[in-house]
Amino acid sequence: MGILGLLHAFVDYLLSLVKMVQNRETGREIREQQPLFKKLKLFVLFNPLTEWIDTTNMMRLHLHKKNFESGKREATPASRRRIKSFVDFFHINMNDFEPSDINAYPTFEDFFVRAHKPGSRPIHAKNDPTKAVVVADSRLVVYETVAESKKIWIKGADFSITNLVMDKQLGPLFDDGSVASFRLSPQDYHRYHSPVSGKVKLFRSLPGDYYQVDPMALRSDLDILSRNARDYVVIESEEFGDVLFVAIGATDVGSVLIHEKWQKMGSYINKGDELGMFQFGGSSIVVAFEKARIEFDKDLLDVSKAAIAMDVEVGMSLGKAVKPSP
């Protein structure tokens, strides 16, 4: 097996203590494929000993700055040499993308924000506005309440929707609501789409850090989601009420971008429309619904309650609208 193989096996064994990812189409549970360096870095940064020693988070912030600098290099012409090995390592099906030829991308950053080929991600019940859809190719967990998500998945001591949006008037509208959390890895398609149809009611951009969004990081005491750079919109939907969409940057992300046309109040967006994109790195999305306005699909709820993330694709079914109580 060799020393490198043994190291991979050992780290995979340790990572098996973290719950698996379930593929929605096959039902199989799998460990997400990661480079050895990333696996080791997760253990170094997010464990009880590091959190006890690094109470100011200075060590993690230093590494974050180094990661951010390395992310800038992905926009240089020399970075295109990485594309083939990246595609091979992560077994990316380039037939899903346009262009499908890796030689058509002048830099790794251009490849990173590659677009889906039309038809490769059909939108569930496209003409039925009462059905919400998955917003990104990602690992997804859903919870009927924010409190439930904190018990099982998001462990940040001060995580709340109010802290996430930095708005004491907007946050309480969703604090008792339902939450869908989408985690993207570097190998994923990094454009994201609207879960519902409706009018843009609010847009805001917040600066911040770019910490890891791996499950190990999210389950640490560090409030990852409410510290990272993020953009968000509120979509006013006739069927779902107000829907909060928060795009959150993470390791090596060059920017979090919601397209300019969706930054304008009153713009109408259809479910499945491309809302924006992340530049290089891992990233995360939180979609929050008002209390009792969505019924998530049962298979998503079942695996989430077991602290297992569901491997999903853009346009899959997320749940159905619930009429507000009279």
Protein backbone atom coordinates (compact mmCIF):
# COMPACT_ATOMS: atom_id res chain seq x y z
CA MET A 1 0.00 0.00 0.00
CA GLY A 2 2.92 2.36 0.69
CA ILE A 3 3.37 5.08 3.33
CA LEU A 4 1.07 7.58 1.57
CA GLY A 5 -1.65 4.94 1.25
CA LEU A 6 -1.32 4.06 4.93
CA LEU A 7 -1.61 7.75 5.87
CA HIS A 8 -4.76 8.09 3.76
CA ALA A 9 -6.24 4.97 5.36
CA PHE A 10 -5.40 6.18 8.88
CA VAL A 11 -6.90 9.62 8.33
CA ASP A 12 -9.97 8.12 6.65
CA TYR A 13 -10.41 5.92 9.72
CA LEU A 14 -10.28 8.97 11.99
CA LEU A 15 -12.63 10.88 9.69
CA SER A 16 -15.06 7.97 9.85
CA LEU A 17 -15.92 9.33 13.30
CA VAL A 18 -17.60 12.17 11.39
CA LYS A 19 -20.92 11.13 9.81
CA MET A 20 -21.04 10.02 6.19
CA VAL A 21 -22.63 11.61 3.14
CA GLN A 22 -25.58 9.84 1.49
CA ASN A 23 -26.06 9.95 -2.27
CA ARG A 24 -29.70 10.86 -2.92
CA GLU A 25 -30.02 8.90 -6.17
CA THR A 26 -28.39 5.64 -5.05
CA GLY A 27 -28.99 5.73 -1.28
CA ARG A 28 -25.33 4.76 -0.71
CA GLU A 29 -23.37 6.30 2.15
CA ILE A 30 -19.92 7.53 1.17
CA ARG A 31 -17.03 9.53 2.61
CA GLU A 32 -16.44 12.72 0.65
CA GLN A 33 -13.19 12.45 -1.29
CA GLN A 34 -10.58 14.94 -0.07
CA PRO A 35 -6.84 15.45 -0.62
CA LEU A 36 -4.67 14.18 2.25
CA PHE A 37 -3.43 17.69 3.12
CA LYS A 38 -6.99 18.95 3.59
CA LYS A 39 -7.86 15.99 5.82
CA LEU A 40 -4.87 16.64 8.06
CA LYS A 41 -5.50 20.38 8.15
CA LEU A 42 -9.05 19.82 9.38
CA PHE A 43 -7.75 17.81 12.33
CA VAL A 44 -5.14 20.43 13.17
CA LEU A 45 -7.54 23.39 13.04
CA PHE A 46 -10.75 21.99 14.47
CA ASN A 47 -10.26 19.82 17.52
CA PRO A 48 -10.78 20.50 21.27
CA LEU A 49 -7.04 20.94 21.93
CA THR A 50 -6.59 23.59 19.19
CA GLU A 51 -9.73 25.40 20.28
CA TRP A 52 -8.45 25.42 23.89
CA ILE A 53 -4.95 26.65 22.94
CA ASP A 54 -5.96 29.09 20.19
CA THR A 55 -8.65 30.97 22.09
CA THR A 56 -8.06 34.13 20.03
CA ASN A 57 -8.27 32.16 16.73
CA MET A 58 -5.02 33.88 15.64
CA MET A 59 -3.43 30.68 14.31
CA ARG A 60 -6.48 29.82 12.23
CA LEU A 61 -6.75 33.40 10.99
CA HIS A 62 -3.08 33.32 9.89
CA LEU A 63 -3.67 30.11 7.93
CA HIS A 64 -6.82 31.62 6.46
CA LYS A 65 -4.80 34.58 5.11
CA LYS A 66 -2.28 32.19 3.56
CA ASN A 67 -5.12 30.28 1.91
CA PHE A 68 -6.62 33.49 0.58
CA GLU A 69 -3.29 34.46 -1.00
CA SER A 70 -2.98 31.04 -2.65
CA GLY A 71 -6.49 31.47 -4.03
CA LYS A 72 -5.36 34.55 -5.97
CA ARG A 73 -2.87 32.40 -7.86
CA GLU A 74 -5.73 30.42 -9.39
CA ALA A 75 -6.47 33.42 -11.66
CA THR A 76 -3.03 33.26 -13.33
CA PRO A 77 -2.40 31.54 -16.71
CA ALA A 78 0.00 29.09 -15.05
CA SER A 79 -2.85 27.73 -12.94
CA ARG A 80 -4.47 26.02 -15.95
CA ARG A 81 -1.94 23.18 -15.54
CA ARG A 82 -3.88 22.09 -12.44
CA ILE A 83 -7.17 21.51 -14.25
CA LYS A 84 -6.52 18.02 -15.66
CA SER A 85 -5.19 16.54 -12.41
CA PHE A 86 -8.08 18.14 -10.51
CA VAL A 87 -10.67 16.65 -12.89
CA ASP A 88 -8.99 13.24 -12.70
CA PHE A 89 -8.67 13.21 -8.89
CA PHE A 90 -12.31 14.16 -8.27
CA HIS A 91 -13.72 12.19 -11.26
CA ILE A 92 -15.58 15.25 -12.57
CA ASN A 93 -17.90 14.47 -15.48
CA MET A 94 -17.10 17.28 -17.90
CA ASN A 95 -20.02 16.25 -20.13
CA ASP A 96 -22.23 18.09 -17.62
CA PHE A 97 -20.48 21.38 -18.35
CA GLU A 98 -20.05 23.90 -21.14
CA PRO A 99 -17.42 24.02 -22.47
CA SER A 100 -16.68 20.37 -21.79
CA ASP A 101 -13.09 20.60 -23.11
CA ILE A 102 -10.75 21.46 -20.22
CA ASN A 103 -8.35 23.12 -22.66
CA ALA A 104 -10.97 25.82 -23.27
CA TYR A 105 -10.41 27.32 -19.80
CA PRO A 106 -7.56 29.90 -19.71
CA THR A 107 -7.12 29.70 -15.90
CA PHE A 108 -8.12 27.42 -13.04
CA GLU A 109 -10.43 30.16 -11.77
CA ASP A 110 -12.28 30.17 -15.10
CA PHE A 111 -12.66 26.41 -14.81
CA PHE A 112 -13.81 26.73 -11.21
CA VAL A 113 -16.83 28.86 -12.19
CA ARG A 114 -17.69 26.62 -15.17
CA ALA A 115 -21.36 26.60 -16.21
CA HIS A 116 -23.70 23.64 -16.52
CA LYS A 117 -24.61 22.46 -19.98
CA PRO A 118 -28.30 23.28 -20.70
CA GLY A 119 -30.47 20.35 -19.64
CA SER A 120 -27.85 18.71 -17.38
CA ARG A 121 -29.74 19.84 -14.25
CA PRO A 122 -33.51 19.75 -14.87
CA ILE A 123 -35.64 21.84 -12.49
CA HIS A 124 -38.15 19.82 -10.45
CA ALA A 125 -41.79 20.79 -11.17
CA LYS A 126 -40.54 23.85 -13.03
CA ASN A 127 -44.00 25.34 -13.57
CA ASP A 128 -45.29 24.63 -10.05
CA PRO A 129 -44.38 27.53 -7.71
CA THR A 130 -45.47 25.55 -4.62
CA LYS A 131 -42.41 23.26 -4.95
CA ALA A 132 -39.00 24.52 -3.81
CA VAL A 133 -35.77 23.19 -5.32
CA VAL A 134 -32.16 22.49 -4.34
CA VAL A 135 -29.97 25.54 -4.98
CA ALA A 136 -26.53 23.98 -5.56
CA ASP A 137 -24.61 20.81 -6.31
CA SER A 138 -23.68 20.18 -2.68
CA ARG A 139 -24.07 18.27 0.57
CA LEU A 140 -27.39 19.26 2.13
CA VAL A 141 -28.89 19.12 5.61
CA VAL A 142 -32.38 20.44 6.44
CA TYR A 143 -34.07 21.23 9.73
CA GLU A 144 -37.57 22.26 10.67
CA THR A 145 -36.21 24.77 13.20
CA VAL A 146 -32.97 26.68 13.77
CA ALA A 147 -32.83 25.24 17.30
CA GLU A 148 -32.84 21.71 15.92
CA SER A 149 -30.01 22.51 13.49
CA LYS A 150 -27.87 23.76 16.40
CA LYS A 151 -28.44 20.58 18.39
CA ILE A 152 -27.34 18.27 15.59
CA TRP A 153 -25.25 20.09 13.01
CA ILE A 154 -24.19 23.71 13.56
CA LYS A 155 -22.39 23.93 16.90
CA GLY A 156 -21.21 27.58 16.91
CA ALA A 157 -21.95 28.95 20.36
CA ASP A 158 -23.64 32.13 19.12
CA PHE A 159 -25.10 30.98 15.79
CA SER A 160 -28.48 32.49 14.99
CA ILE A 161 -30.16 33.88 11.91
CA THR A 162 -29.92 37.36 13.45
CA ASN A 163 -26.13 37.02 13.78
CA LEU A 164 -25.91 35.53 10.30
CA VAL A 165 -27.62 38.52 8.65
CA MET A 166 -26.42 41.13 11.20
CA ASP A 167 -29.91 42.61 11.34
CA LYS A 168 -32.01 42.63 14.52
CA GLN A 169 -35.21 43.35 12.59
CA LEU A 170 -34.78 40.81 9.78
CA GLY A 171 -33.26 37.96 11.80
CA PRO A 172 -36.20 37.31 14.17
CA LEU A 173 -38.48 36.67 11.17
CA PHE A 174 -36.54 33.45 10.59
CA ASP A 175 -35.20 32.49 14.04
CA ASP A 176 -38.06 30.01 14.58
CA GLY A 177 -38.16 28.99 10.93
CA SER A 178 -36.89 26.09 8.83
CA VAL A 179 -33.31 25.93 7.56
CA ALA A 180 -31.59 24.26 4.62
CA SER A 181 -27.78 24.30 4.73
CA PHE A 182 -25.83 23.54 1.53
CA ARG A 183 -22.09 22.85 1.74
CA LEU A 184 -20.02 23.04 -1.45
CA SER A 185 -16.57 21.51 -1.90
CA PRO A 186 -13.92 22.82 -4.33
CA GLN A 187 -14.75 20.15 -6.93
CA ASP A 188 -18.41 21.19 -7.12
CA TYR A 189 -20.17 23.40 -9.64
CA HIS A 190 -19.97 26.77 -7.87
CA ARG A 191 -22.90 28.68 -9.27
CA TYR A 192 -26.07 28.79 -7.21
CA HIS A 193 -29.75 29.09 -8.06
CA SER A 194 -32.97 30.38 -6.56
CA PRO A 195 -35.00 27.85 -4.51
CA VAL A 196 -38.33 29.61 -5.17
CA SER A 197 -40.00 32.13 -7.46
CA GLY A 198 -40.69 35.65 -6.25
CA LYS A 199 -39.54 39.27 -6.00
CA VAL A 200 -36.23 40.37 -4.52
CA LYS A 201 -37.12 42.30 -1.38
CA LEU A 202 -33.65 42.98 0.04
CA PHE A 203 -29.97 42.58 -0.90
CA ARG A 204 -27.00 43.01 1.41
CA SER A 205 -23.27 42.24 1.33
CA LEU A 206 -21.27 41.62 4.54
CA PRO A 207 -17.46 41.41 4.82
CA GLY A 208 -15.81 38.69 6.89
CA ASP A 209 -13.32 35.82 7.09
CA TYR A 210 -13.03 32.68 4.94
CA TYR A 211 -12.86 29.72 7.34
CA GLN A 212 -13.44 26.10 6.38
CA VAL A 213 -17.08 24.94 6.08
CA ASP A 214 -16.34 21.21 6.43
CA PRO A 215 -18.58 19.40 8.98
CA MET A 216 -15.67 19.26 11.40
CA ALA A 217 -15.41 23.06 11.29
CA LEU A 218 -19.16 23.60 11.56
CA ARG A 219 -19.28 21.39 14.65
CA SER A 220 -16.55 23.36 16.41
CA ASP A 221 -17.25 26.18 18.87
CA LEU A 222 -16.10 28.78 16.32
CA ASP A 223 -19.09 30.55 14.73
CA ILE A 224 -18.04 29.81 11.15
CA LEU A 225 -21.21 30.79 9.31
CA SER A 226 -21.69 34.13 11.03
CA ARG A 227 -17.98 35.11 10.74
CA ASN A 228 -17.37 34.37 7.06
CA ALA A 229 -17.92 36.89 4.24
CA ARG A 230 -21.43 36.59 2.84
CA ASP A 231 -24.05 38.12 0.55
CA TYR A 232 -27.76 37.61 0.99
CA VAL A 233 -31.12 38.33 -0.56
CA VAL A 234 -34.66 38.04 0.74
CA ILE A 235 -37.11 36.74 -1.86
CA GLU A 236 -40.78 37.55 -1.35
CA SER A 237 -42.69 34.47 -2.52
CA GLU A 238 -46.47 34.25 -2.72
CA GLU A 239 -46.34 30.55 -1.85
CA PHE A 240 -43.54 30.45 0.77
CA GLY A 241 -43.60 33.95 2.28
CA ASP A 242 -40.21 35.62 2.75
CA VAL A 243 -37.27 33.34 1.92
CA LEU A 244 -33.73 34.22 3.05
CA PHE A 245 -30.84 33.11 0.80
CA VAL A 246 -27.34 33.58 2.26
CA ALA A 247 -24.24 32.80 0.17
CA ILE A 248 -21.24 32.31 2.50
CA GLY A 249 -17.60 32.30 1.46
CA ALA A 250 -15.04 29.81 2.79
CA THR A 251 -11.47 28.63 2.29
CA ASP A 252 -9.71 30.28 -0.70
CA VAL A 253 -12.91 31.88 -2.02
CA GLY A 254 -11.99 34.96 -4.05
CA SER A 255 -15.44 36.47 -3.81
CA VAL A 256 -19.10 35.83 -3.09
CA LEU A 257 -21.14 37.29 -5.93
CA ILE A 258 -24.88 37.70 -6.31
CA HIS A 259 -25.56 38.86 -9.86
CA GLU A 260 -26.22 42.58 -10.22
CA LYS A 261 -29.74 42.16 -11.59
CA TRP A 262 -30.79 40.34 -8.39
CA GLN A 263 -29.36 43.13 -6.23
CA LYS A 264 -32.19 45.40 -7.36
CA MET A 265 -35.34 45.52 -5.26
CA GLY A 266 -38.46 44.31 -7.08
CA SER A 267 -36.60 42.11 -9.60
CA TYR A 268 -38.57 38.92 -10.27
CA ILE A 269 -36.67 35.65 -10.15
CA ASN A 270 -37.95 32.21 -11.11
CA LYS A 271 -36.96 29.10 -9.17
CA GLY A 272 -33.92 27.55 -10.78
CA ASP A 273 -32.61 30.86 -12.14
CA GLU A 274 -28.90 31.41 -11.55
CA LEU A 275 -28.63 33.75 -8.58
CA GLY A 276 -24.85 34.11 -8.36
CA MET A 277 -21.51 32.33 -7.97
CA PHE A 278 -18.51 31.74 -5.74
CA GLN A 279 -14.97 32.18 -6.96
CA PHE A 280 -12.26 29.69 -6.03
CA GLY A 281 -12.69 27.57 -2.89
CA GLY A 282 -15.15 25.72 -0.70
CA SER A 283 -18.29 27.57 0.31
CA SER A 284 -21.71 27.29 1.92
CA ILE A 285 -25.31 28.47 1.47
CA VAL A 286 -28.03 28.83 4.09
CA VAL A 287 -31.66 29.14 2.98
CA ALA A 288 -34.14 30.01 5.72
CA PHE A 289 -37.94 29.93 5.55
CA GLU A 290 -40.44 31.54 7.87
CA LYS A 291 -41.94 29.28 10.53
CA ALA A 292 -44.22 26.54 9.15
CA ARG A 293 -44.02 27.75 5.52
CA ILE A 294 -42.22 24.72 4.01
CA GLU A 295 -42.46 20.96 4.39
CA PHE A 296 -39.06 19.53 3.51
CA ASP A 297 -38.93 16.22 1.62
CA LYS A 298 -39.00 13.27 4.04
CA ASP A 299 -35.77 11.66 2.78
CA LEU A 300 -33.89 14.90 3.45
CA LEU A 301 -35.32 15.23 6.96
CA ASP A 302 -34.58 11.61 7.84
CA VAL A 303 -30.86 11.70 6.99
CA SER A 304 -30.41 15.17 8.50
CA LYS A 305 -31.79 14.01 11.85
CA ALA A 306 -29.11 11.31 11.80
CA ALA A 307 -26.46 14.05 11.21
CA ILE A 308 -25.81 12.75 7.70
CA ALA A 309 -25.59 15.16 4.77
CA MET A 310 -27.39 14.34 1.51
CA ASP A 311 -25.43 14.58 -1.74
CA VAL A 312 -27.72 16.59 -4.05
CA GLU A 313 -27.76 18.44 -7.37
CA VAL A 314 -29.22 21.76 -8.49
CA GLY A 315 -32.92 21.56 -9.34
CA MET A 316 -33.80 18.49 -7.26
CA SER A 317 -36.87 18.68 -5.06
CA LEU A 318 -36.36 20.42 -1.70
CA GLY A 319 -39.91 20.58 -0.31
CA LYS A 320 -43.40 21.99 -0.76
CA ALA A 321 -45.09 25.17 0.38
CA VAL A 322 -47.37 25.20 3.42
CA LYS A 323 -50.21 27.72 3.57
CA PRO A 324 -49.98 30.07 6.56
CA SER A 325 -52.39 29.49 9.40
CA PRO A 326 -55.45 31.80 9.28
